[in-house]
Amino acid sequence: MYLPGPSIYRICMIYNLLDDLITEEKQLISSSEIGNMLGINAASIRKDISFLGEFDNTGARYDIKKLHNHISKKLKLNIERRACIVGIGRLGSAILHYDLFNKYGYQIVAGFDSNVNKIETLKTSIALYPAYKIPEIIKEAKIELAVLCVPGSAAQISADRLIQGGIKGIVNFTPGIIKNKEVFINNIDMVKEFQVLSAMISTTSPQ
């Protein structure tokens, strides 16, 4: 099943919204209600959901639990995946100790850093390794996902090691551009995000 990138992004937004609504014990919701909550056109909501194939929906509203389960099965969000952190400075350490990963089926099983002192002094129950061991540990521990928190200058060599080990997806928190055609990469650059927000403020606020 092929899905366009923007549709995958929106469907995951829908999935997370449904997760919250289940916690609130709500039962039914329409595409218009989903669209209003997420700031997405209702027609796009219906189109994205239709990409996932036949769904047993009666009436104009979706059964929240059924739709949640449908998305989970189609996108295999119910499969547990192993992940690692590369670069255990302040950001990497914070992500390493983030409690909600396990709740959603993502198990952080390893951390890597080129600084041996960090590896020896950081208190954590998660196994830590020197960066040169990345390919070996990725293969041995069957790790599929990685979070990159190294300096931008080290982004490419770190990504190359991850790819060598067989990683399938990388969340890149560095400003460095990673050249690759082998894995999925989600780039998150906070400076660029601030720039986009600043531009939005500048172009919509009264002058």
N, C-alpha and C. Protein backbone atom coordinates (compact mmCIF):
# COMPACT_ATOMS: atom_id res chain seq x y z
N MET A 1 0.84 -1.20 0.00
CA MET A 1 0.00 0.00 0.00
C MET A 1 0.88 1.25 0.00
N TYR A 2 0.69 2.09 -1.04
CA TYR A 2 1.45 3.34 -1.11
C TYR A 2 0.59 4.49 -0.61
N LEU A 3 1.19 5.35 0.24
CA LEU A 3 0.51 6.55 0.71
C LEU A 3 1.42 7.75 0.49
N PRO A 4 0.90 8.86 -0.01
CA PRO A 4 1.71 10.08 -0.13
C PRO A 4 2.17 10.54 1.25
N GLY A 5 3.38 11.13 1.31
CA GLY A 5 3.92 11.60 2.58
C GLY A 5 2.98 12.49 3.37
N PRO A 6 2.38 13.52 2.72
CA PRO A 6 1.46 14.39 3.47
C PRO A 6 0.27 13.65 4.07
N SER A 7 -0.22 12.62 3.35
CA SER A 7 -1.34 11.83 3.87
C SER A 7 -0.92 11.02 5.10
N ILE A 8 0.29 10.45 5.06
CA ILE A 8 0.79 9.71 6.22
C ILE A 8 0.86 10.63 7.43
N TYR A 9 1.37 11.84 7.21
CA TYR A 9 1.49 12.81 8.30
C TYR A 9 0.12 13.13 8.89
N ARG A 10 -0.87 13.39 8.01
CA ARG A 10 -2.21 13.74 8.50
C ARG A 10 -2.88 12.56 9.19
N ILE A 11 -2.71 11.37 8.64
CA ILE A 11 -3.34 10.19 9.25
C ILE A 11 -2.76 9.94 10.64
N CYS A 12 -1.47 10.15 10.81
CA CYS A 12 -0.87 10.01 12.14
C CYS A 12 -1.43 11.06 13.10
N MET A 13 -1.70 12.26 12.60
CA MET A 13 -2.34 13.29 13.42
C MET A 13 -3.73 12.83 13.86
N ILE A 14 -4.48 12.25 12.91
CA ILE A 14 -5.81 11.73 13.22
C ILE A 14 -5.71 10.63 14.27
N TYR A 15 -4.75 9.74 14.08
CA TYR A 15 -4.56 8.61 15.00
C TYR A 15 -4.30 9.10 16.43
N ASN A 16 -3.43 10.09 16.57
CA ASN A 16 -3.12 10.62 17.90
C ASN A 16 -4.31 11.34 18.51
N LEU A 17 -5.10 12.03 17.67
CA LEU A 17 -6.31 12.68 18.17
C LEU A 17 -7.30 11.63 18.68
N LEU A 18 -7.48 10.57 17.90
CA LEU A 18 -8.39 9.50 18.31
C LEU A 18 -7.94 8.86 19.62
N ASP A 19 -6.63 8.74 19.78
CA ASP A 19 -6.07 8.19 21.02
C ASP A 19 -6.51 9.03 22.22
N ASP A 20 -6.44 10.34 22.06
CA ASP A 20 -6.87 11.24 23.14
C ASP A 20 -8.37 11.14 23.38
N LEU A 21 -9.16 11.02 22.30
CA LEU A 21 -10.61 10.95 22.43
C LEU A 21 -11.06 9.66 23.11
N ILE A 22 -10.31 8.58 22.86
CA ILE A 22 -10.62 7.30 23.53
C ILE A 22 -10.40 7.46 25.03
N THR A 23 -9.33 8.14 25.40
CA THR A 23 -9.05 8.40 26.82
C THR A 23 -10.19 9.20 27.45
N GLU A 24 -10.77 10.10 26.67
CA GLU A 24 -11.88 10.91 27.15
C GLU A 24 -13.22 10.19 27.06
N GLU A 25 -13.18 8.92 26.58
CA GLU A 25 -14.35 8.05 26.48
C GLU A 25 -15.40 8.56 25.50
N LYS A 26 -14.96 9.27 24.46
CA LYS A 26 -15.87 9.67 23.40
C LYS A 26 -16.01 8.51 22.41
N GLN A 27 -17.16 8.41 21.75
CA GLN A 27 -17.45 7.23 20.94
C GLN A 27 -17.54 7.51 19.44
N LEU A 28 -18.12 8.64 19.05
CA LEU A 28 -18.33 8.93 17.64
C LEU A 28 -17.77 10.31 17.27
N ILE A 29 -17.34 10.44 16.01
CA ILE A 29 -16.83 11.72 15.54
C ILE A 29 -16.98 11.81 14.03
N SER A 30 -17.23 13.00 13.51
CA SER A 30 -17.38 13.19 12.07
C SER A 30 -16.06 13.72 11.49
N SER A 31 -15.95 13.65 10.16
CA SER A 31 -14.74 14.18 9.51
C SER A 31 -14.64 15.68 9.72
N SER A 32 -15.79 16.38 9.78
CA SER A 32 -15.78 17.82 10.03
C SER A 32 -15.25 18.14 11.41
N GLU A 33 -15.65 17.33 12.39
CA GLU A 33 -15.16 17.54 13.76
C GLU A 33 -13.67 17.28 13.86
N ILE A 34 -13.20 16.22 13.19
CA ILE A 34 -11.77 15.93 13.17
C ILE A 34 -11.03 17.09 12.50
N GLY A 35 -11.57 17.55 11.37
CA GLY A 35 -10.93 18.65 10.65
C GLY A 35 -10.84 19.92 11.47
N ASN A 36 -11.90 20.24 12.21
CA ASN A 36 -11.89 21.44 13.05
C ASN A 36 -10.85 21.34 14.16
N MET A 37 -10.71 20.15 14.73
CA MET A 37 -9.76 19.96 15.82
C MET A 37 -8.31 20.01 15.34
N LEU A 38 -8.07 19.56 14.10
CA LEU A 38 -6.71 19.48 13.58
C LEU A 38 -6.36 20.61 12.61
N GLY A 39 -7.35 21.41 12.25
CA GLY A 39 -7.09 22.47 11.29
C GLY A 39 -6.88 21.95 9.88
N ILE A 40 -7.60 20.89 9.53
CA ILE A 40 -7.47 20.24 8.22
C ILE A 40 -8.86 20.20 7.56
N ASN A 41 -8.90 20.39 6.25
CA ASN A 41 -10.16 20.33 5.52
C ASN A 41 -10.81 18.95 5.68
N ALA A 42 -12.14 18.92 5.92
CA ALA A 42 -12.84 17.66 6.14
C ALA A 42 -12.73 16.72 4.95
N ALA A 43 -12.72 17.28 3.74
CA ALA A 43 -12.59 16.45 2.53
C ALA A 43 -11.25 15.73 2.51
N SER A 44 -10.20 16.40 2.98
CA SER A 44 -8.88 15.77 3.05
C SER A 44 -8.87 14.64 4.07
N ILE A 45 -9.59 14.85 5.18
CA ILE A 45 -9.70 13.81 6.20
C ILE A 45 -10.33 12.56 5.60
N ARG A 46 -11.44 12.74 4.91
CA ARG A 46 -12.14 11.59 4.31
C ARG A 46 -11.29 10.91 3.24
N LYS A 47 -10.59 11.72 2.43
CA LYS A 47 -9.75 11.15 1.38
C LYS A 47 -8.60 10.34 1.98
N ASP A 48 -7.96 10.88 3.02
CA ASP A 48 -6.83 10.18 3.66
C ASP A 48 -7.28 8.85 4.24
N ILE A 49 -8.42 8.87 4.92
CA ILE A 49 -8.93 7.63 5.52
C ILE A 49 -9.28 6.61 4.44
N SER A 50 -9.79 7.09 3.29
CA SER A 50 -10.15 6.18 2.20
C SER A 50 -8.92 5.49 1.61
N PHE A 51 -7.74 6.12 1.71
CA PHE A 51 -6.50 5.50 1.23
C PHE A 51 -6.22 4.18 1.96
N LEU A 52 -6.75 4.03 3.17
CA LEU A 52 -6.46 2.86 3.99
C LEU A 52 -7.36 1.68 3.65
N GLY A 53 -8.21 1.82 2.66
CA GLY A 53 -9.06 0.71 2.25
C GLY A 53 -10.42 0.74 2.92
N GLU A 54 -11.19 -0.31 2.70
CA GLU A 54 -12.56 -0.40 3.20
C GLU A 54 -12.60 -0.28 4.72
N PHE A 55 -13.53 0.55 5.18
CA PHE A 55 -13.72 0.73 6.61
C PHE A 55 -15.20 0.66 6.92
N ASP A 56 -15.55 -0.18 7.89
CA ASP A 56 -16.95 -0.38 8.26
C ASP A 56 -17.47 0.83 9.02
N ASN A 57 -18.04 1.76 8.24
CA ASN A 57 -18.52 3.00 8.84
C ASN A 57 -20.00 3.18 8.51
N THR A 58 -20.81 3.37 9.51
CA THR A 58 -22.23 3.56 9.30
C THR A 58 -22.60 4.99 9.65
N GLY A 59 -23.38 5.63 8.75
CA GLY A 59 -23.78 6.99 9.02
C GLY A 59 -22.68 7.99 8.69
N ALA A 60 -22.86 9.21 9.18
CA ALA A 60 -21.94 10.28 8.86
C ALA A 60 -20.80 10.42 9.86
N ARG A 61 -20.77 9.58 10.88
CA ARG A 61 -19.74 9.71 11.91
C ARG A 61 -18.95 8.41 12.02
N TYR A 62 -17.70 8.55 12.44
CA TYR A 62 -16.83 7.39 12.62
C TYR A 62 -16.92 6.88 14.05
N ASP A 63 -16.89 5.55 14.19
CA ASP A 63 -16.71 4.96 15.51
C ASP A 63 -15.23 5.16 15.88
N ILE A 64 -14.97 5.89 16.93
CA ILE A 64 -13.60 6.31 17.26
C ILE A 64 -12.68 5.12 17.51
N LYS A 65 -13.11 4.16 18.28
CA LYS A 65 -12.25 3.00 18.58
C LYS A 65 -11.99 2.17 17.33
N LYS A 66 -13.03 1.98 16.51
CA LYS A 66 -12.86 1.18 15.29
C LYS A 66 -11.91 1.86 14.31
N LEU A 67 -12.05 3.18 14.16
CA LEU A 67 -11.17 3.91 13.25
C LEU A 67 -9.74 3.91 13.77
N HIS A 68 -9.57 4.05 15.07
CA HIS A 68 -8.25 4.00 15.69
C HIS A 68 -7.58 2.66 15.41
N ASN A 69 -8.33 1.57 15.59
CA ASN A 69 -7.79 0.22 15.34
C ASN A 69 -7.50 0.01 13.86
N HIS A 70 -8.36 0.55 13.00
CA HIS A 70 -8.18 0.42 11.55
C HIS A 70 -6.87 1.07 11.11
N ILE A 71 -6.63 2.29 11.57
CA ILE A 71 -5.40 3.00 11.23
C ILE A 71 -4.19 2.25 11.79
N SER A 72 -4.31 1.78 13.02
CA SER A 72 -3.20 1.08 13.68
C SER A 72 -2.79 -0.16 12.88
N LYS A 73 -3.78 -0.93 12.42
CA LYS A 73 -3.48 -2.15 11.69
C LYS A 73 -2.93 -1.86 10.29
N LYS A 74 -3.52 -0.89 9.60
CA LYS A 74 -3.10 -0.59 8.23
C LYS A 74 -1.69 -0.01 8.18
N LEU A 75 -1.35 0.84 9.15
CA LEU A 75 -0.02 1.45 9.18
C LEU A 75 0.95 0.69 10.09
N LYS A 76 0.46 -0.41 10.66
CA LYS A 76 1.26 -1.26 11.55
C LYS A 76 1.84 -0.47 12.73
N LEU A 77 1.02 0.43 13.26
CA LEU A 77 1.43 1.22 14.42
C LEU A 77 1.35 0.40 15.70
N ASN A 78 0.77 -0.80 15.59
CA ASN A 78 0.67 -1.69 16.75
C ASN A 78 1.90 -2.58 16.90
N ILE A 79 2.87 -2.43 16.01
CA ILE A 79 4.09 -3.23 16.08
C ILE A 79 5.13 -2.50 16.93
N GLU A 80 5.71 -3.18 17.90
CA GLU A 80 6.75 -2.57 18.72
C GLU A 80 8.05 -2.46 17.91
N ARG A 81 8.72 -1.32 18.05
CA ARG A 81 9.96 -1.11 17.31
C ARG A 81 11.06 -0.64 18.27
N ARG A 82 12.27 -1.09 18.01
CA ARG A 82 13.41 -0.72 18.84
C ARG A 82 14.10 0.52 18.28
N ALA A 83 14.59 1.37 19.18
CA ALA A 83 15.20 2.62 18.76
C ALA A 83 16.47 2.90 19.57
N CYS A 84 17.25 3.88 19.09
CA CYS A 84 18.46 4.27 19.79
C CYS A 84 18.64 5.79 19.69
N ILE A 85 19.50 6.33 20.56
CA ILE A 85 19.85 7.74 20.55
C ILE A 85 21.33 7.86 20.21
N VAL A 86 21.66 8.70 19.24
CA VAL A 86 23.06 8.93 18.89
C VAL A 86 23.40 10.37 19.29
N GLY A 87 24.31 10.49 20.26
CA GLY A 87 24.64 11.80 20.82
C GLY A 87 23.88 11.99 22.12
N ILE A 88 24.56 11.80 23.24
CA ILE A 88 23.87 11.86 24.54
C ILE A 88 24.31 13.09 25.35
N GLY A 89 24.28 14.24 24.67
CA GLY A 89 24.45 15.52 25.35
C GLY A 89 23.13 15.86 26.05
N ARG A 90 22.86 17.14 26.24
CA ARG A 90 21.65 17.54 26.97
C ARG A 90 20.37 17.06 26.27
N LEU A 91 20.27 17.32 24.96
CA LEU A 91 19.07 16.91 24.24
C LEU A 91 18.96 15.39 24.17
N GLY A 92 20.05 14.74 23.80
CA GLY A 92 20.04 13.29 23.70
C GLY A 92 19.70 12.62 25.01
N SER A 93 20.26 13.13 26.11
CA SER A 93 19.98 12.56 27.44
C SER A 93 18.52 12.72 27.81
N ALA A 94 17.95 13.89 27.48
CA ALA A 94 16.54 14.14 27.79
C ALA A 94 15.64 13.17 27.02
N ILE A 95 15.96 12.96 25.74
CA ILE A 95 15.17 12.03 24.93
C ILE A 95 15.36 10.60 25.43
N LEU A 96 16.57 10.28 25.84
CA LEU A 96 16.89 8.94 26.34
C LEU A 96 16.00 8.58 27.53
N HIS A 97 15.66 9.58 28.35
CA HIS A 97 14.88 9.34 29.56
C HIS A 97 13.41 9.69 29.41
N TYR A 98 12.96 9.93 28.18
CA TYR A 98 11.56 10.28 27.95
C TYR A 98 10.68 9.06 28.19
N ASP A 99 9.72 9.19 29.10
CA ASP A 99 8.96 8.03 29.58
C ASP A 99 7.90 7.51 28.62
N LEU A 100 7.41 8.33 27.71
CA LEU A 100 6.24 7.94 26.92
C LEU A 100 6.55 7.03 25.73
N PHE A 101 7.82 6.84 25.40
CA PHE A 101 8.14 5.97 24.27
C PHE A 101 7.55 4.57 24.43
N ASN A 102 7.76 3.98 25.60
CA ASN A 102 7.27 2.62 25.83
C ASN A 102 5.77 2.51 25.72
N LYS A 103 5.06 3.56 26.16
CA LYS A 103 3.60 3.55 26.10
C LYS A 103 3.11 3.37 24.68
N TYR A 104 3.83 3.93 23.73
CA TYR A 104 3.40 3.87 22.33
C TYR A 104 4.15 2.82 21.51
N GLY A 105 4.87 1.94 22.19
CA GLY A 105 5.48 0.80 21.51
C GLY A 105 6.86 1.02 20.96
N TYR A 106 7.55 2.09 21.43
CA TYR A 106 8.91 2.35 20.97
C TYR A 106 9.87 2.16 22.14
N GLN A 107 10.74 1.19 22.01
CA GLN A 107 11.65 0.84 23.09
C GLN A 107 13.06 1.35 22.80
N ILE A 108 13.53 2.31 23.61
CA ILE A 108 14.89 2.79 23.47
C ILE A 108 15.82 1.76 24.10
N VAL A 109 16.68 1.15 23.29
CA VAL A 109 17.51 0.05 23.79
C VAL A 109 19.00 0.38 23.81
N ALA A 110 19.39 1.53 23.23
CA ALA A 110 20.82 1.85 23.20
C ALA A 110 21.05 3.34 23.01
N GLY A 111 22.17 3.79 23.54
CA GLY A 111 22.62 5.17 23.34
C GLY A 111 24.07 5.14 22.89
N PHE A 112 24.46 6.09 22.04
CA PHE A 112 25.81 6.14 21.51
C PHE A 112 26.38 7.55 21.64
N ASP A 113 27.69 7.62 21.90
CA ASP A 113 28.37 8.92 21.93
C ASP A 113 29.86 8.69 21.68
N SER A 114 30.50 9.69 21.07
CA SER A 114 31.94 9.59 20.81
C SER A 114 32.75 9.94 22.05
N ASN A 115 32.10 10.56 23.04
CA ASN A 115 32.76 10.95 24.29
C ASN A 115 32.63 9.82 25.32
N VAL A 116 33.73 9.15 25.60
CA VAL A 116 33.71 8.01 26.52
C VAL A 116 33.30 8.44 27.92
N ASN A 117 33.68 9.66 28.33
CA ASN A 117 33.33 10.14 29.67
C ASN A 117 31.82 10.20 29.87
N LYS A 118 31.10 10.64 28.84
CA LYS A 118 29.64 10.68 28.94
C LYS A 118 29.05 9.28 29.12
N ILE A 119 29.60 8.34 28.38
CA ILE A 119 29.12 6.97 28.46
C ILE A 119 29.34 6.40 29.86
N GLU A 120 30.47 6.74 30.46
CA GLU A 120 30.82 6.18 31.76
C GLU A 120 30.12 6.88 32.92
N THR A 121 29.73 8.14 32.75
CA THR A 121 29.18 8.90 33.87
C THR A 121 27.66 9.05 33.84
N LEU A 122 27.04 8.91 32.68
CA LEU A 122 25.59 9.09 32.61
C LEU A 122 24.88 7.93 33.29
N LYS A 123 23.98 8.26 34.22
CA LYS A 123 23.23 7.24 34.95
C LYS A 123 21.95 6.90 34.20
N THR A 124 21.88 5.69 33.70
CA THR A 124 20.71 5.23 32.95
C THR A 124 20.68 3.71 32.93
N SER A 125 19.48 3.16 32.81
CA SER A 125 19.34 1.70 32.71
C SER A 125 19.52 1.23 31.26
N ILE A 126 19.62 2.18 30.33
CA ILE A 126 19.78 1.85 28.91
C ILE A 126 21.26 1.67 28.58
N ALA A 127 21.57 0.65 27.82
CA ALA A 127 22.96 0.36 27.47
C ALA A 127 23.56 1.47 26.61
N LEU A 128 24.78 1.90 26.97
CA LEU A 128 25.47 2.96 26.24
C LEU A 128 26.74 2.42 25.59
N TYR A 129 27.06 2.92 24.40
CA TYR A 129 28.20 2.41 23.65
C TYR A 129 28.95 3.56 22.97
N PRO A 130 30.25 3.35 22.68
CA PRO A 130 30.99 4.34 21.89
C PRO A 130 30.44 4.37 20.47
N ALA A 131 30.56 5.53 19.82
CA ALA A 131 29.93 5.72 18.52
C ALA A 131 30.43 4.76 17.45
N TYR A 132 31.68 4.33 17.55
CA TYR A 132 32.21 3.45 16.50
C TYR A 132 31.53 2.08 16.49
N LYS A 133 30.80 1.76 17.57
CA LYS A 133 30.11 0.47 17.64
C LYS A 133 28.69 0.51 17.07
N ILE A 134 28.30 1.66 16.52
CA ILE A 134 26.93 1.80 16.03
C ILE A 134 26.52 0.68 15.05
N PRO A 135 27.28 0.42 13.97
CA PRO A 135 26.84 -0.62 13.02
C PRO A 135 26.65 -1.99 13.68
N GLU A 136 27.59 -2.33 14.55
CA GLU A 136 27.55 -3.64 15.22
C GLU A 136 26.32 -3.77 16.11
N ILE A 137 26.05 -2.77 16.95
CA ILE A 137 24.94 -2.84 17.89
C ILE A 137 23.59 -2.75 17.18
N ILE A 138 23.50 -1.94 16.13
CA ILE A 138 22.25 -1.83 15.37
C ILE A 138 21.85 -3.20 14.85
N LYS A 139 22.82 -3.94 14.33
CA LYS A 139 22.54 -5.28 13.80
C LYS A 139 22.19 -6.25 14.92
N GLU A 140 23.00 -6.27 15.98
CA GLU A 140 22.80 -7.23 17.06
C GLU A 140 21.47 -7.03 17.78
N ALA A 141 21.13 -5.78 18.06
CA ALA A 141 19.93 -5.47 18.83
C ALA A 141 18.69 -5.31 17.95
N LYS A 142 18.84 -5.43 16.63
CA LYS A 142 17.73 -5.31 15.68
C LYS A 142 17.00 -3.97 15.86
N ILE A 143 17.78 -2.90 15.87
CA ILE A 143 17.24 -1.56 16.05
C ILE A 143 16.80 -1.01 14.68
N GLU A 144 15.58 -0.46 14.63
CA GLU A 144 15.03 0.05 13.36
C GLU A 144 15.04 1.57 13.27
N LEU A 145 14.95 2.25 14.43
CA LEU A 145 14.80 3.70 14.45
C LEU A 145 15.93 4.35 15.24
N ALA A 146 16.31 5.55 14.83
CA ALA A 146 17.37 6.27 15.53
C ALA A 146 17.02 7.75 15.64
N VAL A 147 17.48 8.37 16.74
CA VAL A 147 17.36 9.81 16.93
C VAL A 147 18.77 10.38 16.93
N LEU A 148 19.03 11.33 16.03
CA LEU A 148 20.36 11.89 15.86
C LEU A 148 20.45 13.23 16.58
N CYS A 149 21.30 13.30 17.62
CA CYS A 149 21.44 14.52 18.43
C CYS A 149 22.90 14.98 18.50
N VAL A 150 23.67 14.70 17.47
CA VAL A 150 25.08 15.05 17.44
C VAL A 150 25.24 16.45 16.83
N PRO A 151 26.45 17.06 16.92
CA PRO A 151 26.69 18.32 16.21
C PRO A 151 26.49 18.13 14.72
N GLY A 152 26.14 19.21 14.01
CA GLY A 152 25.89 19.12 12.58
C GLY A 152 27.06 18.55 11.80
N SER A 153 28.27 18.83 12.25
CA SER A 153 29.46 18.34 11.54
C SER A 153 29.61 16.83 11.62
N ALA A 154 28.95 16.22 12.60
CA ALA A 154 29.04 14.76 12.78
C ALA A 154 27.81 14.04 12.26
N ALA A 155 26.86 14.78 11.68
CA ALA A 155 25.60 14.18 11.26
C ALA A 155 25.78 13.10 10.19
N GLN A 156 26.57 13.41 9.16
CA GLN A 156 26.69 12.47 8.04
C GLN A 156 27.40 11.19 8.44
N ILE A 157 28.51 11.31 9.18
CA ILE A 157 29.24 10.10 9.57
C ILE A 157 28.40 9.25 10.51
N SER A 158 27.61 9.89 11.38
CA SER A 158 26.73 9.14 12.29
C SER A 158 25.64 8.43 11.50
N ALA A 159 25.06 9.15 10.53
CA ALA A 159 24.02 8.54 9.69
C ALA A 159 24.59 7.38 8.89
N ASP A 160 25.80 7.55 8.36
CA ASP A 160 26.43 6.48 7.58
C ASP A 160 26.61 5.22 8.43
N ARG A 161 27.01 5.41 9.68
CA ARG A 161 27.17 4.25 10.58
C ARG A 161 25.83 3.58 10.84
N LEU A 162 24.79 4.39 11.05
CA LEU A 162 23.46 3.83 11.28
C LEU A 162 22.98 3.05 10.06
N ILE A 163 23.17 3.62 8.88
CA ILE A 163 22.75 2.96 7.65
C ILE A 163 23.55 1.68 7.43
N GLN A 164 24.83 1.72 7.75
CA GLN A 164 25.67 0.52 7.64
C GLN A 164 25.14 -0.60 8.52
N GLY A 165 24.59 -0.24 9.67
CA GLY A 165 24.05 -1.24 10.58
C GLY A 165 22.68 -1.74 10.18
N GLY A 166 22.01 -1.04 9.25
CA GLY A 166 20.71 -1.49 8.77
C GLY A 166 19.53 -0.70 9.34
N ILE A 167 19.78 0.51 9.83
CA ILE A 167 18.70 1.33 10.38
C ILE A 167 17.67 1.62 9.27
N LYS A 168 16.41 1.78 9.67
CA LYS A 168 15.35 2.01 8.68
C LYS A 168 14.81 3.44 8.69
N GLY A 169 14.92 4.12 9.84
CA GLY A 169 14.40 5.48 9.92
C GLY A 169 15.20 6.31 10.91
N ILE A 170 15.41 7.60 10.59
CA ILE A 170 16.19 8.49 11.44
C ILE A 170 15.42 9.79 11.68
N VAL A 171 15.32 10.20 12.95
CA VAL A 171 14.85 11.53 13.30
C VAL A 171 16.10 12.38 13.48
N ASN A 172 16.29 13.36 12.61
CA ASN A 172 17.51 14.16 12.61
C ASN A 172 17.28 15.50 13.31
N PHE A 173 17.82 15.63 14.53
CA PHE A 173 17.70 16.87 15.28
C PHE A 173 18.88 17.80 15.02
N THR A 174 19.77 17.43 14.12
CA THR A 174 20.94 18.26 13.84
C THR A 174 20.64 19.23 12.69
N PRO A 175 21.40 20.33 12.58
CA PRO A 175 21.22 21.23 11.44
C PRO A 175 21.89 20.70 10.18
N GLY A 176 22.61 19.58 10.30
CA GLY A 176 23.32 19.02 9.16
C GLY A 176 22.39 18.34 8.17
N ILE A 177 22.71 18.44 6.89
CA ILE A 177 21.95 17.79 5.82
C ILE A 177 22.54 16.40 5.59
N ILE A 178 21.72 15.38 5.69
CA ILE A 178 22.18 14.01 5.52
C ILE A 178 21.89 13.55 4.09
N LYS A 179 22.93 13.12 3.39
CA LYS A 179 22.77 12.63 2.03
C LYS A 179 22.56 11.11 2.07
N ASN A 180 21.40 10.67 1.60
CA ASN A 180 21.13 9.23 1.58
C ASN A 180 19.92 8.95 0.70
N LYS A 181 19.86 7.74 0.19
CA LYS A 181 18.68 7.28 -0.56
C LYS A 181 18.21 5.93 -0.02
N GLU A 182 18.69 5.58 1.18
CA GLU A 182 18.43 4.23 1.68
C GLU A 182 17.44 4.17 2.82
N VAL A 183 17.29 5.25 3.60
CA VAL A 183 16.42 5.21 4.76
C VAL A 183 15.51 6.43 4.78
N PHE A 184 14.47 6.36 5.59
CA PHE A 184 13.56 7.49 5.78
C PHE A 184 14.16 8.42 6.83
N ILE A 185 14.14 9.73 6.54
CA ILE A 185 14.70 10.71 7.48
C ILE A 185 13.69 11.82 7.73
N ASN A 186 13.45 12.10 8.98
CA ASN A 186 12.60 13.21 9.39
C ASN A 186 13.49 14.27 10.02
N ASN A 187 13.67 15.41 9.32
CA ASN A 187 14.55 16.47 9.80
C ASN A 187 13.79 17.45 10.68
N ILE A 188 14.31 17.69 11.89
CA ILE A 188 13.70 18.64 12.82
C ILE A 188 14.76 19.65 13.23
N ASP A 189 14.69 20.83 12.65
CA ASP A 189 15.64 21.90 12.94
C ASP A 189 14.88 23.02 13.64
N MET A 190 15.13 23.23 14.93
CA MET A 190 14.38 24.20 15.71
C MET A 190 14.57 25.62 15.22
N VAL A 191 15.77 25.96 14.75
CA VAL A 191 16.02 27.31 14.23
C VAL A 191 15.13 27.57 13.01
N LYS A 192 15.07 26.60 12.11
CA LYS A 192 14.25 26.75 10.91
C LYS A 192 12.77 26.82 11.28
N GLU A 193 12.35 26.06 12.30
CA GLU A 193 10.95 26.11 12.74
C GLU A 193 10.63 27.49 13.29
N PHE A 194 11.55 28.08 14.05
CA PHE A 194 11.36 29.44 14.55
C PHE A 194 11.28 30.44 13.39
N GLN A 195 12.11 30.20 12.35
CA GLN A 195 12.09 31.09 11.20
C GLN A 195 10.74 31.06 10.50
N VAL A 196 10.20 29.85 10.33
CA VAL A 196 8.89 29.71 9.69
C VAL A 196 7.81 30.42 10.51
N LEU A 197 7.83 30.21 11.85
CA LEU A 197 6.85 30.86 12.70
C LEU A 197 7.00 32.38 12.67
N SER A 198 8.25 32.85 12.67
CA SER A 198 8.51 34.29 12.60
C SER A 198 7.98 34.88 11.30
N ALA A 199 8.18 34.15 10.20
CA ALA A 199 7.68 34.62 8.91
C ALA A 199 6.16 34.67 8.90
N MET A 200 5.52 33.67 9.51
CA MET A 200 4.06 33.65 9.60
C MET A 200 3.56 34.85 10.41
N ILE A 201 4.23 35.13 11.53
CA ILE A 201 3.84 36.26 12.36
C ILE A 201 3.99 37.58 11.58
N SER A 202 5.09 37.70 10.87
CA SER A 202 5.39 38.93 10.14
C SER A 202 4.42 39.19 9.00
N THR A 203 3.95 38.09 8.36
CA THR A 203 3.08 38.27 7.17
C THR A 203 1.61 38.30 7.51
N THR A 204 1.25 37.99 8.75
CA THR A 204 -0.17 38.01 9.11
C THR A 204 -0.52 39.09 10.12
N SER A 205 0.49 39.60 10.84
CA SER A 205 0.23 40.63 11.83
C SER A 205 0.08 42.00 11.16
N PRO A 206 -0.78 42.88 11.73
CA PRO A 206 -0.92 44.23 11.17
C PRO A 206 0.41 44.97 11.24
N GLN A 207 0.75 45.69 10.19
CA GLN A 207 2.02 46.44 10.16
C GLN A 207 1.85 47.81 10.81
